[in-house]
Protein backbone atom coordinates (compact mmCIF):
# COMPACT_ATOMS: atom_id res chain seq x y z
CA UNK A 1 57.65 -7.06 47.01
CA UNK A 2 56.17 -10.60 47.14
CA UNK A 3 54.10 -12.21 49.55
CA UNK A 4 53.32 -15.72 50.63
CA UNK A 5 49.87 -15.75 52.22
CA UNK A 6 48.82 -18.92 54.50
CA UNK A 7 45.08 -20.15 55.23
CA UNK A 8 44.21 -21.31 58.47
CA UNK A 9 41.18 -23.06 59.89
CA UNK A 10 40.32 -24.10 63.26
CA UNK A 11 42.85 -23.60 66.41
CA UNK A 12 42.45 -21.55 69.08
CA UNK A 13 42.94 -17.92 67.85
CA UNK A 14 43.09 -16.35 71.52
CA UNK A 15 45.88 -19.33 72.99
CA UNK A 16 48.00 -18.27 68.92
CA UNK A 17 47.54 -14.60 69.66
CA UNK A 18 48.98 -15.29 73.46
CA UNK A 19 51.33 -17.56 73.02
CA UNK A 20 52.89 -15.01 69.72
CA UNK A 21 52.71 -12.35 72.12
CA UNK A 22 55.05 -14.47 74.38
CA UNK A 23 57.41 -15.77 71.53
CA UNK A 24 57.81 -11.96 70.74
CA UNK A 25 58.72 -10.78 74.11
CA UNK A 26 60.99 -13.30 74.82
CA UNK A 27 62.56 -13.27 71.67
CA UNK A 28 61.91 -16.60 71.04
CA UNK A 29 59.79 -15.73 67.77
CA UNK A 30 62.12 -16.48 65.01
CA UNK A 31 60.49 -15.61 61.57
CA UNK A 32 62.38 -16.59 58.21
CA UNK A 33 65.09 -14.97 57.12
CA UNK A 34 64.63 -12.52 54.41
CA UNK A 35 60.87 -11.99 56.25
CA UNK A 36 59.97 -7.97 55.77
CA UNK A 37 56.83 -7.77 57.69
CA UNK A 38 53.46 -9.98 58.40
CA UNK A 39 49.95 -9.64 58.28
CA UNK A 40 47.47 -11.64 60.46
CA UNK A 41 43.93 -11.32 60.00
CA UNK A 42 41.58 -13.08 61.83
CA UNK A 43 38.05 -14.03 60.88
CA UNK A 44 36.78 -14.98 64.33
CA UNK A 45 33.09 -16.22 63.39
CA UNK A 46 34.29 -18.70 61.01
CA UNK A 47 37.06 -19.25 62.34
CA UNK A 48 39.42 -18.64 59.82
CA UNK A 49 43.01 -16.82 59.33
CA UNK A 50 44.95 -15.77 56.48
CA UNK A 51 48.69 -15.38 57.51
CA UNK A 52 50.85 -12.65 55.20
CA UNK A 53 54.05 -12.38 55.08
CA UNK A 54 56.23 -10.37 52.71
CA UNK A 55 59.16 -10.62 50.83
CA UNK A 56 61.92 -9.04 48.66
CA UNK A 57 61.32 -11.83 45.65
CA UNK A 58 59.52 -14.81 45.12
CA UNK A 59 63.18 -16.41 45.64
CA UNK A 60 63.76 -15.43 49.15
CA UNK A 61 59.72 -17.12 49.59
CA UNK A 62 60.79 -20.44 48.57
CA UNK A 63 64.32 -20.18 50.64
CA UNK A 64 61.75 -19.38 53.29
CA UNK A 65 59.49 -22.72 53.24
CA UNK A 66 61.73 -24.87 55.25
CA UNK A 67 61.43 -22.03 58.28
CA UNK A 68 57.56 -22.00 57.75
CA UNK A 69 57.17 -25.75 57.99
CA UNK A 70 59.40 -25.89 61.34
CA UNK A 71 57.29 -22.73 62.70
CA UNK A 72 53.93 -24.48 62.24
CA UNK A 73 56.10 -28.52 64.23
CA UNK A 74 56.41 -24.99 66.87
CA UNK A 75 53.38 -24.76 67.58
CA UNK A 76 50.71 -27.26 68.44
CA UNK A 77 47.40 -27.87 65.19
CA UNK A 78 44.84 -27.18 67.84
CA UNK A 79 46.22 -23.95 68.79
CA UNK A 80 47.07 -23.07 65.28
CA UNK A 81 44.57 -24.43 63.46
CA UNK A 82 44.80 -27.02 59.86
CA UNK A 83 46.83 -24.94 56.60
CA UNK A 84 44.16 -25.60 54.23
CA UNK A 85 46.38 -22.94 51.59
CA UNK A 86 49.41 -21.45 50.58
CA UNK A 87 49.87 -19.24 47.65
CA UNK A 88 52.77 -16.79 46.64
CA UNK A 89 51.36 -12.89 45.05
CA UNK A 90 53.02 -10.41 43.83
CA UNK A 91 52.46 -7.13 45.72
CA UNK A 92 51.22 -4.25 42.98
CA UNK A 93 50.09 -1.67 44.98
CA UNK A 94 51.10 -1.58 48.79
CA UNK A 95 50.30 2.53 50.57
CA UNK A 96 48.14 4.05 52.93
CA UNK A 97 45.91 6.75 51.82
């Protein structure tokens, strides 16, 4: 398994959460092909977020990059914030204890 970690600063965290919930309920949320699950972490004090998307392979992440760019265009920057980085990581452990 692989993870794509995108970091963001700024934006409107409450509006982003509301927008995501509305898009999920309406069926308008169209995640990239191959994405298995997603984890969104927030540091409200620093107004930063990590968007972690999980895929079966690095190649699947690379194939999904165009959709991630489209998703960024669908959410105004004043809501999503400014993307400060994107990295890929191989997931070595993923377990509940």
